[in-house]
Amino acid sequence: MKSSGIIAAAAILMLPSLGVAAESTATLPTAVEKGRALALDTNKGNCIACHMMGDGEFPGNFGPPLSQMKERYPERSVLRKQIGDATILNPKSIMPPFGKHGIISDTEIDQIIDYLYTL
Protein backbone atom coordinates (compact mmCIF):
# COMPACT_ATOMS: atom_id res chain seq x y z
CA MET A 1 0.00 0.00 0.00
CA LYS A 2 2.80 2.41 0.89
CA SER A 3 4.72 1.72 -2.33
CA SER A 4 1.70 2.54 -4.52
CA GLY A 5 1.30 5.85 -2.66
CA ILE A 6 4.95 6.68 -3.23
CA ILE A 7 4.65 5.84 -6.91
CA ALA A 8 1.53 8.00 -7.23
CA ALA A 9 3.25 10.90 -5.45
CA ALA A 10 6.31 10.58 -7.69
CA ALA A 11 4.09 10.55 -10.78
CA ILE A 12 2.29 13.69 -9.65
CA LEU A 13 5.58 15.44 -8.98
CA MET A 14 6.84 14.50 -12.45
CA LEU A 15 3.78 15.79 -14.33
CA PRO A 16 4.86 19.43 -14.49
CA SER A 17 8.26 18.53 -15.90
CA LEU A 18 6.67 16.25 -18.48
CA GLY A 19 4.34 19.04 -19.53
CA VAL A 20 7.20 21.51 -19.83
CA ALA A 21 9.21 19.09 -21.96
CA ALA A 22 6.26 18.48 -24.28
CA GLU A 23 5.54 22.20 -24.48
CA SER A 24 9.15 23.21 -25.14
CA THR A 25 9.56 20.79 -28.06
CA ALA A 26 6.28 22.03 -29.54
CA THR A 27 7.52 25.63 -29.48
CA LEU A 28 10.98 25.09 -30.95
CA PRO A 29 11.53 27.35 -33.96
CA THR A 30 11.76 25.78 -37.39
CA ALA A 31 14.78 26.19 -39.65
CA VAL A 32 12.84 28.80 -41.66
CA GLU A 33 12.04 30.80 -38.51
CA LYS A 34 15.66 30.57 -37.38
CA GLY A 35 16.79 31.70 -40.84
CA ARG A 36 14.44 34.69 -40.76
CA ALA A 37 15.74 35.68 -37.33
CA LEU A 38 19.34 35.41 -38.56
CA ALA A 39 18.60 37.40 -41.72
CA LEU A 40 17.18 40.24 -39.60
CA ASP A 41 19.71 40.01 -36.74
CA THR A 42 22.08 42.99 -36.82
CA ASN A 43 24.80 40.87 -35.17
CA LYS A 44 24.54 38.01 -37.64
CA GLY A 45 23.24 38.00 -41.23
CA ASN A 46 21.67 41.46 -41.20
CA CYS A 47 20.53 40.93 -44.80
CA ILE A 48 17.93 43.66 -44.36
CA ALA A 49 20.70 46.29 -44.10
CA CYS A 50 21.46 45.93 -47.81
CA HIS A 51 18.51 44.06 -49.34
CA MET A 52 14.77 44.47 -49.67
CA MET A 53 13.17 41.41 -48.13
CA GLY A 54 9.63 40.09 -48.02
CA ASP A 55 8.77 41.03 -44.46
CA GLY A 56 11.62 43.19 -43.26
CA GLU A 57 11.26 46.79 -42.14
CA PHE A 58 13.58 49.59 -43.28
CA PRO A 59 15.43 47.65 -45.99
CA GLY A 60 18.60 48.80 -47.64
CA ASN A 61 19.05 49.12 -51.38
CA PHE A 62 22.73 48.30 -51.93
CA GLY A 63 22.05 44.71 -52.94
CA PRO A 64 19.35 43.20 -55.12
CA PRO A 65 15.94 42.41 -53.61
CA LEU A 66 15.80 39.01 -51.97
CA SER A 67 12.75 37.67 -53.75
CA GLN A 68 12.12 34.56 -55.83
CA MET A 69 15.34 33.15 -54.43
CA LYS A 70 14.47 29.52 -55.11
CA GLU A 71 13.94 30.37 -58.79
CA ARG A 72 17.05 32.57 -58.98
CA TYR A 73 19.25 30.06 -57.15
CA PRO A 74 17.81 26.60 -57.80
CA GLU A 75 21.11 25.07 -56.70
CA ARG A 76 21.53 25.63 -52.97
CA SER A 77 25.30 25.28 -53.31
CA VAL A 78 25.50 28.41 -55.48
CA LEU A 79 23.49 30.48 -52.99
CA ARG A 80 25.55 28.98 -50.18
CA LYS A 81 28.75 30.24 -51.87
CA GLN A 82 27.16 33.66 -52.38
CA ILE A 83 26.29 34.02 -48.70
CA GLY A 84 29.47 32.39 -47.43
CA ASP A 85 31.85 34.46 -49.56
CA ALA A 86 30.42 36.41 -52.49
CA THR A 87 33.90 37.19 -53.79
CA ILE A 88 34.22 33.57 -54.94
CA LEU A 89 31.68 34.27 -57.70
CA ASN A 90 32.34 38.01 -58.00
CA PRO A 91 35.75 39.29 -56.83
CA LYS A 92 34.42 42.89 -56.80
CA SER A 93 31.42 42.10 -54.60
CA ILE A 94 30.80 44.44 -51.66
CA MET A 95 28.87 41.76 -49.79
CA PRO A 96 30.65 40.75 -46.58
CA PRO A 97 32.07 37.20 -46.58
CA PHE A 98 29.83 36.03 -43.73
CA GLY A 99 30.93 32.39 -43.78
CA LYS A 100 34.60 32.99 -44.54
CA HIS A 101 34.91 35.37 -41.59
CA GLY A 102 32.89 33.15 -39.25
CA ILE A 103 30.11 35.68 -38.76
CA ILE A 104 27.59 32.93 -39.46
CA SER A 105 28.13 29.19 -39.36
CA ASP A 106 27.41 26.67 -42.11
CA THR A 107 24.27 25.61 -40.23
CA GLU A 108 23.14 29.23 -40.00
CA ILE A 109 23.77 29.73 -43.73
CA ASP A 110 21.54 26.71 -44.41
CA GLN A 111 18.82 28.18 -42.17
CA ILE A 112 19.04 31.52 -43.98
CA ILE A 113 18.73 29.70 -47.30
CA ASP A 114 15.68 27.82 -45.98
CA TYR A 115 14.14 31.20 -45.17
CA LEU A 116 15.17 32.87 -48.44
CA TYR A 117 13.61 30.02 -50.37
CA THR A 118 10.24 31.05 -48.92
CA LEU A 119 10.51 34.58 -50.36
C-alpha atoms as a PDB file:
ATOM      1  CA  MET A   1       0.000   0.000   0.000  1.00  0.00           C
ATOM      2  CA  LYS A   2       2.799   2.410   0.890  1.00  0.00           C
ATOM      3  CA  SER A   3       4.718   1.716  -2.326  1.00  0.00           C
ATOM      4  CA  SER A   4       1.695   2.541  -4.522  1.00  0.00           C
ATOM      5  CA  GLY A   5       1.296   5.846  -2.663  1.00  0.00           C
ATOM      6  CA  ILE A   6       4.951   6.684  -3.231  1.00  0.00           C
ATOM      7  CA  ILE A   7       4.650   5.838  -6.910  1.00  0.00           C
ATOM      8  CA  ALA A   8       1.535   8.005  -7.231  1.00  0.00           C
ATOM      9  CA  ALA A   9       3.248  10.901  -5.453  1.00  0.00           C
ATOM     10  CA  ALA A  10       6.306  10.581  -7.694  1.00  0.00           C
ATOM     11  CA  ALA A  11       4.093  10.547 -10.779  1.00  0.00           C
ATOM     12  CA  ILE A  12       2.287  13.690  -9.645  1.00  0.00           C
ATOM     13  CA  LEU A  13       5.579  15.441  -8.983  1.00  0.00           C
ATOM     14  CA  MET A  14       6.840  14.500 -12.450  1.00  0.00           C
ATOM     15  CA  LEU A  15       3.782  15.785 -14.329  1.00  0.00           C
ATOM     16  CA  PRO A  16       4.864  19.432 -14.494  1.00  0.00           C
ATOM     17  CA  SER A  17       8.256  18.525 -15.903  1.00  0.00           C
ATOM     18  CA  LEU A  18       6.673  16.246 -18.482  1.00  0.00           C
ATOM     19  CA  GLY A  19       4.338  19.043 -19.531  1.00  0.00           C
ATOM     20  CA  VAL A  20       7.199  21.512 -19.830  1.00  0.00           C
ATOM     21  CA  ALA A  21       9.209  19.095 -21.963  1.00  0.00           C
ATOM     22  CA  ALA A  22       6.260  18.480 -24.277  1.00  0.00           C
ATOM     23  CA  GLU A  23       5.541  22.197 -24.483  1.00  0.00           C
ATOM     24  CA  SER A  24       9.146  23.210 -25.143  1.00  0.00           C
ATOM     25  CA  THR A  25       9.558  20.794 -28.056  1.00  0.00           C
ATOM     26  CA  ALA A  26       6.284  22.029 -29.545  1.00  0.00           C
ATOM     27  CA  THR A  27       7.516  25.627 -29.478  1.00  0.00           C
ATOM     28  CA  LEU A  28      10.984  25.089 -30.949  1.00  0.00           C
ATOM     29  CA  PRO A  29      11.526  27.350 -33.957  1.00  0.00           C
ATOM     30  CA  THR A  30      11.757  25.784 -37.391  1.00  0.00           C
ATOM     31  CA  ALA A  31      14.781  26.192 -39.654  1.00  0.00           C
ATOM     32  CA  VAL A  32      12.839  28.799 -41.655  1.00  0.00           C
ATOM     33  CA  GLU A  33      12.041  30.798 -38.508  1.00  0.00           C
ATOM     34  CA  LYS A  34      15.662  30.574 -37.379  1.00  0.00           C
ATOM     35  CA  GLY A  35      16.792  31.695 -40.835  1.00  0.00           C
ATOM     36  CA  ARG A  36      14.440  34.686 -40.756  1.00  0.00           C
ATOM     37  CA  ALA A  37      15.737  35.683 -37.328  1.00  0.00           C
ATOM     38  CA  LEU A  38      19.342  35.407 -38.558  1.00  0.00           C
ATOM     39  CA  ALA A  39      18.603  37.400 -41.718  1.00  0.00           C
ATOM     40  CA  LEU A  40      17.183  40.240 -39.601  1.00  0.00           C
ATOM     41  CA  ASP A  41      19.712  40.009 -36.737  1.00  0.00           C
ATOM     42  CA  THR A  42      22.082  42.992 -36.815  1.00  0.00           C
ATOM     43  CA  ASN A  43      24.798  40.873 -35.165  1.00  0.00           C
ATOM     44  CA  LYS A  44      24.544  38.010 -37.642  1.00  0.00           C
ATOM     45  CA  GLY A  45      23.238  37.999 -41.229  1.00  0.00           C
ATOM     46  CA  ASN A  46      21.669  41.464 -41.196  1.00  0.00           C
ATOM     47  CA  CYS A  47      20.529  40.926 -44.800  1.00  0.00           C
ATOM     48  CA  ILE A  48      17.929  43.664 -44.355  1.00  0.00           C
ATOM     49  CA  ALA A  49      20.696  46.292 -44.103  1.00  0.00           C
ATOM     50  CA  CYS A  50      21.457  45.932 -47.810  1.00  0.00           C
ATOM     51  CA  HIS A  51      18.513  44.064 -49.336  1.00  0.00           C
ATOM     52  CA  MET A  52      14.773  44.471 -49.668  1.00  0.00           C
ATOM     53  CA  MET A  53      13.166  41.406 -48.126  1.00  0.00           C
ATOM     54  CA  GLY A  54       9.626  40.086 -48.016  1.00  0.00           C
ATOM     55  CA  ASP A  55       8.769  41.026 -44.461  1.00  0.00           C
ATOM     56  CA  GLY A  56      11.623  43.185 -43.258  1.00  0.00           C
ATOM     57  CA  GLU A  57      11.261  46.790 -42.135  1.00  0.00           C
ATOM     58  CA  PHE A  58      13.581  49.588 -43.276  1.00  0.00           C
ATOM     59  CA  PRO A  59      15.432  47.647 -45.992  1.00  0.00           C
ATOM     60  CA  GLY A  60      18.605  48.804 -47.636  1.00  0.00           C
ATOM     61  CA  ASN A  61      19.047  49.120 -51.376  1.00  0.00           C
ATOM     62  CA  PHE A  62      22.734  48.301 -51.928  1.00  0.00           C
ATOM     63  CA  GLY A  63      22.047  44.713 -52.936  1.00  0.00           C
ATOM     64  CA  PRO A  64      19.354  43.205 -55.121  1.00  0.00           C
ATOM     65  CA  PRO A  65      15.945  42.415 -53.612  1.00  0.00           C
ATOM     66  CA  LEU A  66      15.801  39.009 -51.968  1.00  0.00           C
ATOM     67  CA  SER A  67      12.753  37.668 -53.753  1.00  0.00           C
ATOM     68  CA  GLN A  68      12.118  34.559 -55.826  1.00  0.00           C
ATOM     69  CA  MET A  69      15.337  33.155 -54.427  1.00  0.00           C
ATOM     70  CA  LYS A  70      14.473  29.522 -55.115  1.00  0.00           C
ATOM     71  CA  GLU A  71      13.942  30.365 -58.786  1.00  0.00           C
ATOM     72  CA  ARG A  72      17.048  32.571 -58.984  1.00  0.00           C
ATOM     73  CA  TYR A  73      19.249  30.059 -57.146  1.00  0.00           C
ATOM     74  CA  PRO A  74      17.808  26.601 -57.797  1.00  0.00           C
ATOM     75  CA  GLU A  75      21.109  25.068 -56.699  1.00  0.00           C
ATOM     76  CA  ARG A  76      21.532  25.632 -52.973  1.00  0.00           C
ATOM     77  CA  SER A  77      25.303  25.278 -53.313  1.00  0.00           C
ATOM     78  CA  VAL A  78      25.499  28.411 -55.481  1.00  0.00           C
ATOM     79  CA  LEU A  79      23.486  30.477 -52.990  1.00  0.00           C
ATOM     80  CA  ARG A  80      25.546  28.983 -50.183  1.00  0.00           C
ATOM     81  CA  LYS A  81      28.749  30.242 -51.869  1.00  0.00           C
ATOM     82  CA  GLN A  82      27.161  33.656 -52.382  1.00  0.00           C
ATOM     83  CA  ILE A  83      26.286  34.018 -48.703  1.00  0.00           C
ATOM     84  CA  GLY A  84      29.475  32.390 -47.427  1.00  0.00           C
ATOM     85  CA  ASP A  85      31.852  34.457 -49.563  1.00  0.00           C
ATOM     86  CA  ALA A  86      30.416  36.411 -52.487  1.00  0.00           C
ATOM     87  CA  THR A  87      33.903  37.186 -53.786  1.00  0.00           C
ATOM     88  CA  ILE A  88      34.221  33.569 -54.945  1.00  0.00           C
ATOM     89  CA  LEU A  89      31.684  34.269 -57.699  1.00  0.00           C
ATOM     90  CA  ASN A  90      32.337  38.008 -57.997  1.00  0.00           C
ATOM     91  CA  PRO A  91      35.745  39.291 -56.828  1.00  0.00           C
ATOM     92  CA  LYS A  92      34.419  42.887 -56.798  1.00  0.00           C
ATOM     93  CA  SER A  93      31.419  42.100 -54.596  1.00  0.00           C
ATOM     94  CA  ILE A  94      30.805  44.438 -51.664  1.00  0.00           C
ATOM     95  CA  MET A  95      28.867  41.757 -49.792  1.00  0.00           C
ATOM     96  CA  PRO A  96      30.648  40.750 -46.584  1.00  0.00           C
ATOM     97  CA  PRO A  97      32.072  37.199 -46.583  1.00  0.00           C
ATOM     98  CA  PHE A  98      29.834  36.029 -43.728  1.00  0.00           C
ATOM     99  CA  GLY A  99      30.931  32.394 -43.783  1.00  0.00           C
ATOM    100  CA  LYS A 100      34.595  32.988 -44.541  1.00  0.00           C
ATOM    101  CA  HIS A 101      34.912  35.367 -41.591  1.00  0.00           C
ATOM    102  CA  GLY A 102      32.892  33.145 -39.253  1.00  0.00           C
ATOM    103  CA  ILE A 103      30.109  35.678 -38.761  1.00  0.00           C
ATOM    104  CA  ILE A 104      27.590  32.933 -39.455  1.00  0.00           C
ATOM    105  CA  SER A 105      28.133  29.190 -39.359  1.00  0.00           C
ATOM    106  CA  ASP A 106      27.413  26.668 -42.109  1.00  0.00           C
ATOM    107  CA  THR A 107      24.271  25.612 -40.231  1.00  0.00           C
ATOM    108  CA  GLU A 108      23.141  29.229 -40.000  1.00  0.00           C
ATOM    109  CA  ILE A 109      23.770  29.730 -43.726  1.00  0.00           C
ATOM    110  CA  ASP A 110      21.539  26.714 -44.411  1.00  0.00           C
ATOM    111  CA  GLN A 111      18.822  28.180 -42.172  1.00  0.00           C
ATOM    112  CA  ILE A 112      19.036  31.520 -43.977  1.00  0.00           C
ATOM    113  CA  ILE A 113      18.726  29.698 -47.295  1.00  0.00           C
ATOM    114  CA  ASP A 114      15.681  27.820 -45.976  1.00  0.00           C
ATOM    115  CA  TYR A 115      14.144  31.203 -45.168  1.00  0.00           C
ATOM    116  CA  LEU A 116      15.175  32.868 -48.438  1.00  0.00           C
ATOM    117  CA  TYR A 117      13.608  30.016 -50.374  1.00  0.00           C
ATOM    118  CA  THR A 118      10.237  31.048 -48.917  1.00  0.00           C
ATOM    119  CA  LEU A 119      10.510  34.579 -50.359  1.00  0.00           C
END
